[in-house]
Amino acid sequence: LIRQAKAEAEQSRVSVRNIRRDVLADIRELLKAKEIGEDDERRAHEDIQRITDRHIAKVDQLVVEKEKDLMED
């Protein structure tokens, strides 16, 4: 069960990173279309990275909690 929980956690991390990649691609397109400036693009990139890091940390925290829970049973 722990192995399965870790596999699910990795899949969740991959999903979060894929969403980040898609959003960054959209932002690059806006920059190319001159709808946003370079400062806005850089700020958005930093914000997205911060959000991504927060969600990945949450996934890691949940898998550690689940592992502890499974070890107690």
PDB file of N, CA and C in Angstrom:
ATOM      1  N   LEU A   1       0.813  -1.196   0.000  1.00  0.00           N
ATOM      2  CA  LEU A   1       0.000   0.000   0.000  1.00  0.00           C
ATOM      3  C   LEU A   1       0.861   1.266   0.000  1.00  0.00           C
ATOM      4  N   ILE A   2       1.977   1.220   0.716  1.00  0.00           N
ATOM      5  CA  ILE A   2       2.868   2.382   0.748  1.00  0.00           C
ATOM      6  C   ILE A   2       3.433   2.637  -0.639  1.00  0.00           C
ATOM      7  N   ARG A   3       3.808   1.583  -1.321  1.00  0.00           N
ATOM      8  CA  ARG A   3       4.346   1.720  -2.679  1.00  0.00           C
ATOM      9  C   ARG A   3       3.298   2.348  -3.603  1.00  0.00           C
ATOM     10  N   GLN A   4       2.059   1.926  -3.452  1.00  0.00           N
ATOM     11  CA  GLN A   4       0.983   2.482  -4.269  1.00  0.00           C
ATOM     12  C   GLN A   4       0.752   3.960  -3.930  1.00  0.00           C
ATOM     13  N   ALA A   5       0.814   4.310  -2.653  1.00  0.00           N
ATOM     14  CA  ALA A   5       0.640   5.708  -2.241  1.00  0.00           C
ATOM     15  C   ALA A   5       1.757   6.579  -2.830  1.00  0.00           C
ATOM     16  N   LYS A   6       2.979   6.069  -2.813  1.00  0.00           N
ATOM     17  CA  LYS A   6       4.098   6.823  -3.380  1.00  0.00           C
ATOM     18  C   LYS A   6       3.954   6.983  -4.893  1.00  0.00           C
ATOM     19  N   ALA A   7       3.448   5.945  -5.551  1.00  0.00           N
ATOM     20  CA  ALA A   7       3.240   6.022  -6.998  1.00  0.00           C
ATOM     21  C   ALA A   7       2.161   7.059  -7.328  1.00  0.00           C
ATOM     22  N   GLU A   8       1.101   7.071  -6.545  1.00  0.00           N
ATOM     23  CA  GLU A   8       0.040   8.065  -6.743  1.00  0.00           C
ATOM     24  C   GLU A   8       0.566   9.470  -6.486  1.00  0.00           C
ATOM     25  N   ALA A   9       1.403   9.615  -5.482  1.00  0.00           N
ATOM     26  CA  ALA A   9       1.986  10.920  -5.176  1.00  0.00           C
ATOM     27  C   ALA A   9       2.863  11.393  -6.329  1.00  0.00           C
ATOM     28  N   GLU A  10       3.642  10.501  -6.899  1.00  0.00           N
ATOM     29  CA  GLU A  10       4.485  10.877  -8.037  1.00  0.00           C
ATOM     30  C   GLU A  10       3.626  11.284  -9.227  1.00  0.00           C
ATOM     31  N   GLN A  11       2.544  10.570  -9.453  1.00  0.00           N
ATOM     32  CA  GLN A  11       1.632  10.930 -10.539  1.00  0.00           C
ATOM     33  C   GLN A  11       1.029  12.314 -10.296  1.00  0.00           C
ATOM     34  N   SER A  12       0.722  12.605  -9.053  1.00  0.00           N
ATOM     35  CA  SER A  12       0.190  13.932  -8.712  1.00  0.00           C
ATOM     36  C   SER A  12       1.228  15.018  -8.969  1.00  0.00           C
ATOM     37  N   ARG A  13       2.483  14.751  -8.599  1.00  0.00           N
ATOM     38  CA  ARG A  13       3.559  15.720  -8.858  1.00  0.00           C
ATOM     39  C   ARG A  13       3.717  15.974 -10.353  1.00  0.00           C
ATOM     40  N   VAL A  14       3.666  14.917 -11.135  1.00  0.00           N
ATOM     41  CA  VAL A  14       3.782  15.046 -12.591  1.00  0.00           C
ATOM     42  C   VAL A  14       2.624  15.877 -13.143  1.00  0.00           C
ATOM     43  N   SER A  15       1.431  15.645 -12.637  1.00  0.00           N
ATOM     44  CA  SER A  15       0.267  16.409 -13.089  1.00  0.00           C
ATOM     45  C   SER A  15       0.421  17.896 -12.778  1.00  0.00           C
ATOM     46  N   VAL A  16       0.901  18.201 -11.579  1.00  0.00           N
ATOM     47  CA  VAL A  16       1.113  19.605 -11.201  1.00  0.00           C
ATOM     48  C   VAL A  16       2.150  20.242 -12.121  1.00  0.00           C
ATOM     49  N   ARG A  17       3.229  19.524 -12.391  1.00  0.00           N
ATOM     50  CA  ARG A  17       4.273  20.078 -13.276  1.00  0.00           C
ATOM     51  C   ARG A  17       3.764  20.245 -14.699  1.00  0.00           C
ATOM     52  N   ASN A  18       2.910  19.343 -15.165  1.00  0.00           N
ATOM     53  CA  ASN A  18       2.329  19.481 -16.507  1.00  0.00           C
ATOM     54  C   ASN A  18       1.432  20.712 -16.600  1.00  0.00           C
ATOM     55  N   ILE A  19       0.677  20.958 -15.557  1.00  0.00           N
ATOM     56  CA  ILE A  19      -0.160  22.160 -15.538  1.00  0.00           C
ATOM     57  C   ILE A  19       0.726  23.400 -15.573  1.00  0.00           C
ATOM     58  N   ARG A  20       1.805  23.380 -14.799  1.00  0.00           N
ATOM     59  CA  ARG A  20       2.743  24.515 -14.808  1.00  0.00           C
ATOM     60  C   ARG A  20       3.297  24.739 -16.204  1.00  0.00           C
ATOM     61  N   ARG A  21       3.681  23.668 -16.874  1.00  0.00           N
ATOM     62  CA  ARG A  21       4.231  23.780 -18.225  1.00  0.00           C
ATOM     63  C   ARG A  21       3.218  24.401 -19.185  1.00  0.00           C
ATOM     64  N   ASP A  22       1.967  23.962 -19.101  1.00  0.00           N
ATOM     65  CA  ASP A  22       0.921  24.494 -19.977  1.00  0.00           C
ATOM     66  C   ASP A  22       0.678  25.975 -19.729  1.00  0.00           C
ATOM     67  N   VAL A  23       0.631  26.365 -18.462  1.00  0.00           N
ATOM     68  CA  VAL A  23       0.392  27.773 -18.132  1.00  0.00           C
ATOM     69  C   VAL A  23       1.561  28.633 -18.594  1.00  0.00           C
ATOM     70  N   LEU A  24       2.769  28.154 -18.396  1.00  0.00           N
ATOM     71  CA  LEU A  24       3.938  28.925 -18.846  1.00  0.00           C
ATOM     72  C   LEU A  24       3.958  29.069 -20.365  1.00  0.00           C
ATOM     73  N   ALA A  25       3.504  28.060 -21.072  1.00  0.00           N
ATOM     74  CA  ALA A  25       3.416  28.153 -22.529  1.00  0.00           C
ATOM     75  C   ALA A  25       2.398  29.219 -22.929  1.00  0.00           C
ATOM     76  N   ASP A  26       1.277  29.267 -22.224  1.00  0.00           N
ATOM     77  CA  ASP A  26       0.268  30.293 -22.498  1.00  0.00           C
ATOM     78  C   ASP A  26       0.831  31.688 -22.242  1.00  0.00           C
ATOM     79  N   ILE A  27       1.596  31.823 -21.177  1.00  0.00           N
ATOM     80  CA  ILE A  27       2.189  33.121 -20.856  1.00  0.00           C
ATOM     81  C   ILE A  27       3.196  33.523 -21.925  1.00  0.00           C
ATOM     82  N   ARG A  28       3.995  32.563 -22.400  1.00  0.00           N
ATOM     83  CA  ARG A  28       4.953  32.875 -23.471  1.00  0.00           C
ATOM     84  C   ARG A  28       4.236  33.342 -24.730  1.00  0.00           C
ATOM     85  N   GLU A  29       3.093  32.723 -25.026  1.00  0.00           N
ATOM     86  CA  GLU A  29       2.310  33.147 -26.191  1.00  0.00           C
ATOM     87  C   GLU A  29       1.802  34.570 -26.016  1.00  0.00           C
ATOM     88  N   LEU A  30       1.363  34.912 -24.807  1.00  0.00           N
ATOM     89  CA  LEU A  30       0.923  36.279 -24.549  1.00  0.00           C
ATOM     90  C   LEU A  30       2.076  37.266 -24.725  1.00  0.00           C
ATOM     91  N   LEU A  31       3.261  36.859 -24.306  1.00  0.00           N
ATOM     92  CA  LEU A  31       4.435  37.719 -24.468  1.00  0.00           C
ATOM     93  C   LEU A  31       4.758  37.907 -25.945  1.00  0.00           C
ATOM     94  N   LYS A  32       4.697  36.835 -26.714  1.00  0.00           N
ATOM     95  CA  LYS A  32       4.960  36.928 -28.159  1.00  0.00           C
ATOM     96  C   LYS A  32       3.945  37.811 -28.860  1.00  0.00           C
ATOM     97  N   ALA A  33       2.690  37.752 -28.396  1.00  0.00           N
ATOM     98  CA  ALA A  33       1.625  38.552 -28.990  1.00  0.00           C
ATOM     99  C   ALA A  33       1.665  39.992 -28.465  1.00  0.00           C
ATOM    100  N   LYS A  34       2.632  40.270 -27.596  1.00  0.00           N
ATOM    101  CA  LYS A  34       2.805  41.602 -27.008  1.00  0.00           C
ATOM    102  C   LYS A  34       1.597  42.052 -26.189  1.00  0.00           C
ATOM    103  N   GLU A  35       0.877  41.080 -25.624  1.00  0.00           N
ATOM    104  CA  GLU A  35      -0.250  41.401 -24.752  1.00  0.00           C
ATOM    105  C   GLU A  35       0.212  41.653 -23.321  1.00  0.00           C
ATOM    106  N   ILE A  36       1.393  41.134 -22.977  1.00  0.00           N
ATOM    107  CA  ILE A  36       1.998  41.403 -21.679  1.00  0.00           C
ATOM    108  C   ILE A  36       3.451  41.770 -21.904  1.00  0.00           C
ATOM    109  N   GLY A  37       4.046  42.419 -20.914  1.00  0.00           N
ATOM    110  CA  GLY A  37       5.448  42.795 -20.999  1.00  0.00           C
ATOM    111  C   GLY A  37       6.343  41.744 -20.378  1.00  0.00           C
ATOM    112  N   GLU A  38       7.649  41.952 -20.526  1.00  0.00           N
ATOM    113  CA  GLU A  38       8.610  40.990 -19.973  1.00  0.00           C
ATOM    114  C   GLU A  38       8.555  40.951 -18.453  1.00  0.00           C
ATOM    115  N   ASP A  39       8.321  42.115 -17.832  1.00  0.00           N
ATOM    116  CA  ASP A  39       8.211  42.139 -16.370  1.00  0.00           C
ATOM    117  C   ASP A  39       7.021  41.315 -15.895  1.00  0.00           C
ATOM    118  N   ASP A  40       5.894  41.453 -16.582  1.00  0.00           N
ATOM    119  CA  ASP A  40       4.709  40.676 -16.231  1.00  0.00           C
ATOM    120  C   ASP A  40       4.961  39.184 -16.429  1.00  0.00           C
ATOM    121  N   GLU A  41       5.664  38.853 -17.497  1.00  0.00           N
ATOM    122  CA  GLU A  41       5.977  37.441 -17.778  1.00  0.00           C
ATOM    123  C   GLU A  41       6.863  36.869 -16.679  1.00  0.00           C
ATOM    124  N   ARG A  42       7.870  37.622 -16.276  1.00  0.00           N
ATOM    125  CA  ARG A  42       8.789  37.157 -15.236  1.00  0.00           C
ATOM    126  C   ARG A  42       8.052  37.020 -13.899  1.00  0.00           C
ATOM    127  N   ARG A  43       7.198  37.993 -13.573  1.00  0.00           N
ATOM    128  CA  ARG A  43       6.429  37.953 -12.332  1.00  0.00           C
ATOM    129  C   ARG A  43       5.473  36.754 -12.329  1.00  0.00           C
ATOM    130  N   ALA A  44       4.819  36.522 -13.451  1.00  0.00           N
ATOM    131  CA  ALA A  44       3.902  35.383 -13.559  1.00  0.00           C
ATOM    132  C   ALA A  44       4.662  34.066 -13.412  1.00  0.00           C
ATOM    133  N   HIS A  45       5.840  33.999 -14.027  1.00  0.00           N
ATOM    134  CA  HIS A  45       6.657  32.788 -13.930  1.00  0.00           C
ATOM    135  C   HIS A  45       7.013  32.504 -12.467  1.00  0.00           C
ATOM    136  N   GLU A  46       7.420  33.541 -11.742  1.00  0.00           N
ATOM    137  CA  GLU A  46       7.778  33.367 -10.331  1.00  0.00           C
ATOM    138  C   GLU A  46       6.570  32.945  -9.500  1.00  0.00           C
ATOM    139  N   ASP A  47       5.420  33.578  -9.768  1.00  0.00           N
ATOM    140  CA  ASP A  47       4.196  33.231  -9.034  1.00  0.00           C
ATOM    141  C   ASP A  47       3.786  31.788  -9.299  1.00  0.00           C
ATOM    142  N   ILE A  48       3.851  31.391 -10.545  1.00  0.00           N
ATOM    143  CA  ILE A  48       3.473  30.020 -10.908  1.00  0.00           C
ATOM    144  C   ILE A  48       4.419  29.017 -10.268  1.00  0.00           C
ATOM    145  N   GLN A  49       5.704  29.337 -10.247  1.00  0.00           N
ATOM    146  CA  GLN A  49       6.675  28.433  -9.620  1.00  0.00           C
ATOM    147  C   GLN A  49       6.398  28.315  -8.128  1.00  0.00           C
ATOM    148  N   ARG A  50       6.070  29.419  -7.488  1.00  0.00           N
ATOM    149  CA  ARG A  50       5.764  29.411  -6.055  1.00  0.00           C
ATOM    150  C   ARG A  50       4.526  28.548  -5.772  1.00  0.00           C
ATOM    151  N   ILE A  51       3.504  28.695  -6.595  1.00  0.00           N
ATOM    152  CA  ILE A  51       2.281  27.894  -6.438  1.00  0.00           C
ATOM    153  C   ILE A  51       2.577  26.413  -6.665  1.00  0.00           C
ATOM    154  N   THR A  52       3.368  26.130  -7.697  1.00  0.00           N
ATOM    155  CA  THR A  52       3.743  24.746  -7.997  1.00  0.00           C
ATOM    156  C   THR A  52       4.495  24.128  -6.820  1.00  0.00           C
ATOM    157  N   ASP A  53       5.470  24.861  -6.288  1.00  0.00           N
ATOM    158  CA  ASP A  53       6.245  24.358  -5.153  1.00  0.00           C
ATOM    159  C   ASP A  53       5.349  24.087  -3.952  1.00  0.00           C
ATOM    160  N   ARG A  54       4.386  24.972  -3.718  1.00  0.00           N
ATOM    161  CA  ARG A  54       3.475  24.808  -2.581  1.00  0.00           C
ATOM    162  C   ARG A  54       2.636  23.543  -2.745  1.00  0.00           C
ATOM    163  N   HIS A  55       2.130  23.293  -3.952  1.00  0.00           N
ATOM    164  CA  HIS A  55       1.296  22.107  -4.172  1.00  0.00           C
ATOM    165  C   HIS A  55       2.116  20.816  -4.110  1.00  0.00           C
ATOM    166  N   ILE A  56       3.314  20.839  -4.620  1.00  0.00           N
ATOM    167  CA  ILE A  56       4.167  19.646  -4.552  1.00  0.00           C
ATOM    168  C   ILE A  56       4.539  19.356  -3.097  1.00  0.00           C
ATOM    169  N   ALA A  57       4.799  20.404  -2.319  1.00  0.00           N
ATOM    170  CA  ALA A  57       5.099  20.208  -0.898  1.00  0.00           C
ATOM    171  C   ALA A  57       3.891  19.604  -0.176  1.00  0.00           C
ATOM    172  N   LYS A  58       2.704  20.026  -0.553  1.00  0.00           N
ATOM    173  CA  LYS A  58       1.486  19.482   0.055  1.00  0.00           C
ATOM    174  C   LYS A  58       1.336  17.990  -0.282  1.00  0.00           C
ATOM    175  N   VAL A  59       1.617  17.633  -1.527  1.00  0.00           N
ATOM    176  CA  VAL A  59       1.556  16.220  -1.922  1.00  0.00           C
ATOM    177  C   VAL A  59       2.568  15.419  -1.114  1.00  0.00           C
ATOM    178  N   ASP A  60       3.787  15.951  -0.976  1.00  0.00           N
ATOM    179  CA  ASP A  60       4.818  15.258  -0.196  1.00  0.00           C
ATOM    180  C   ASP A  60       4.384  15.078   1.257  1.00  0.00           C
ATOM    181  N   GLN A  61       3.786  16.131   1.822  1.00  0.00           N
ATOM    182  CA  GLN A  61       3.322  16.070   3.201  1.00  0.00           C
ATOM    183  C   GLN A  61       2.233  15.002   3.353  1.00  0.00           C
ATOM    184  N   LEU A  62       1.312  14.964   2.410  1.00  0.00           N
ATOM    185  CA  LEU A  62       0.232  13.986   2.489  1.00  0.00           C
ATOM    186  C   LEU A  62       0.744  12.552   2.376  1.00  0.00           C
ATOM    187  N   VAL A  63       1.727  12.330   1.516  1.00  0.00           N
ATOM    188  CA  VAL A  63       2.242  10.963   1.370  1.00  0.00           C
ATOM    189  C   VAL A  63       3.002  10.539   2.632  1.00  0.00           C
ATOM    190  N   VAL A  64       3.700  11.467   3.271  1.00  0.00           N
ATOM    191  CA  VAL A  64       4.388  11.132   4.527  1.00  0.00           C
ATOM    192  C   VAL A  64       3.365  10.781   5.602  1.00  0.00           C
ATOM    193  N   GLU A  65       2.295  11.580   5.685  1.00  0.00           N
ATOM    194  CA  GLU A  65       1.240  11.288   6.663  1.00  0.00           C
ATOM    195  C   GLU A  65       0.593   9.935   6.384  1.00  0.00           C
ATOM    196  N   LYS A  66       0.335   9.644   5.132  1.00  0.00           N
ATOM    197  CA  LYS A  66      -0.302   8.372   4.767  1.00  0.00           C
ATOM    198  C   LYS A  66       0.625   7.202   5.084  1.00  0.00           C
ATOM    199  N   GLU A  67       1.913   7.386   4.825  1.00  0.00           N
ATOM    200  CA  GLU A  67       2.888   6.329   5.123  1.00  0.00           C
ATOM    201  C   GLU A  67       2.909   6.039   6.617  1.00  0.00           C
ATOM    202  N   LYS A  68       2.910   7.089   7.443  1.00  0.00           N
ATOM    203  CA  LYS A  68       2.869   6.905   8.895  1.00  0.00           C
ATOM    204  C   LYS A  68       1.600   6.179   9.317  1.00  0.00           C
ATOM    205  N   ASP A  69       0.486   6.587   8.706  1.00  0.00           N
ATOM    206  CA  ASP A  69      -0.804   5.971   9.021  1.00  0.00           C
ATOM    207  C   ASP A  69      -0.788   4.476   8.677  1.00  0.00           C
ATOM    208  N   LEU A  70      -0.240   4.152   7.526  1.00  0.00           N
ATOM    209  CA  LEU A  70      -0.194   2.754   7.098  1.00  0.00           C
ATOM    210  C   LEU A  70       0.759   1.920   7.960  1.00  0.00           C
ATOM    211  N   MET A  71       1.825   2.531   8.422  1.00  0.00           N
ATOM    212  CA  MET A  71       2.791   1.805   9.260  1.00  0.00           C
ATOM    213  C   MET A  71       2.204   1.490  10.632  1.00  0.00           C
ATOM    214  N   GLU A  72       1.266   2.341  11.105  1.00  0.00           N
ATOM    215  CA  GLU A  72       0.645   2.102  12.417  1.00  0.00           C
ATOM    216  C   GLU A  72      -0.328   0.932  12.380  1.00  0.00           C
ATOM    217  N   ASP A  73      -0.935   0.717  11.237  1.00  0.00           N
ATOM    218  CA  ASP A  73      -1.948  -0.347  11.139  1.00  0.00           C
ATOM    219  C   ASP A  73      -1.348  -1.698  11.112  1.00  0.00           C
TER     220      ASP A  73
END
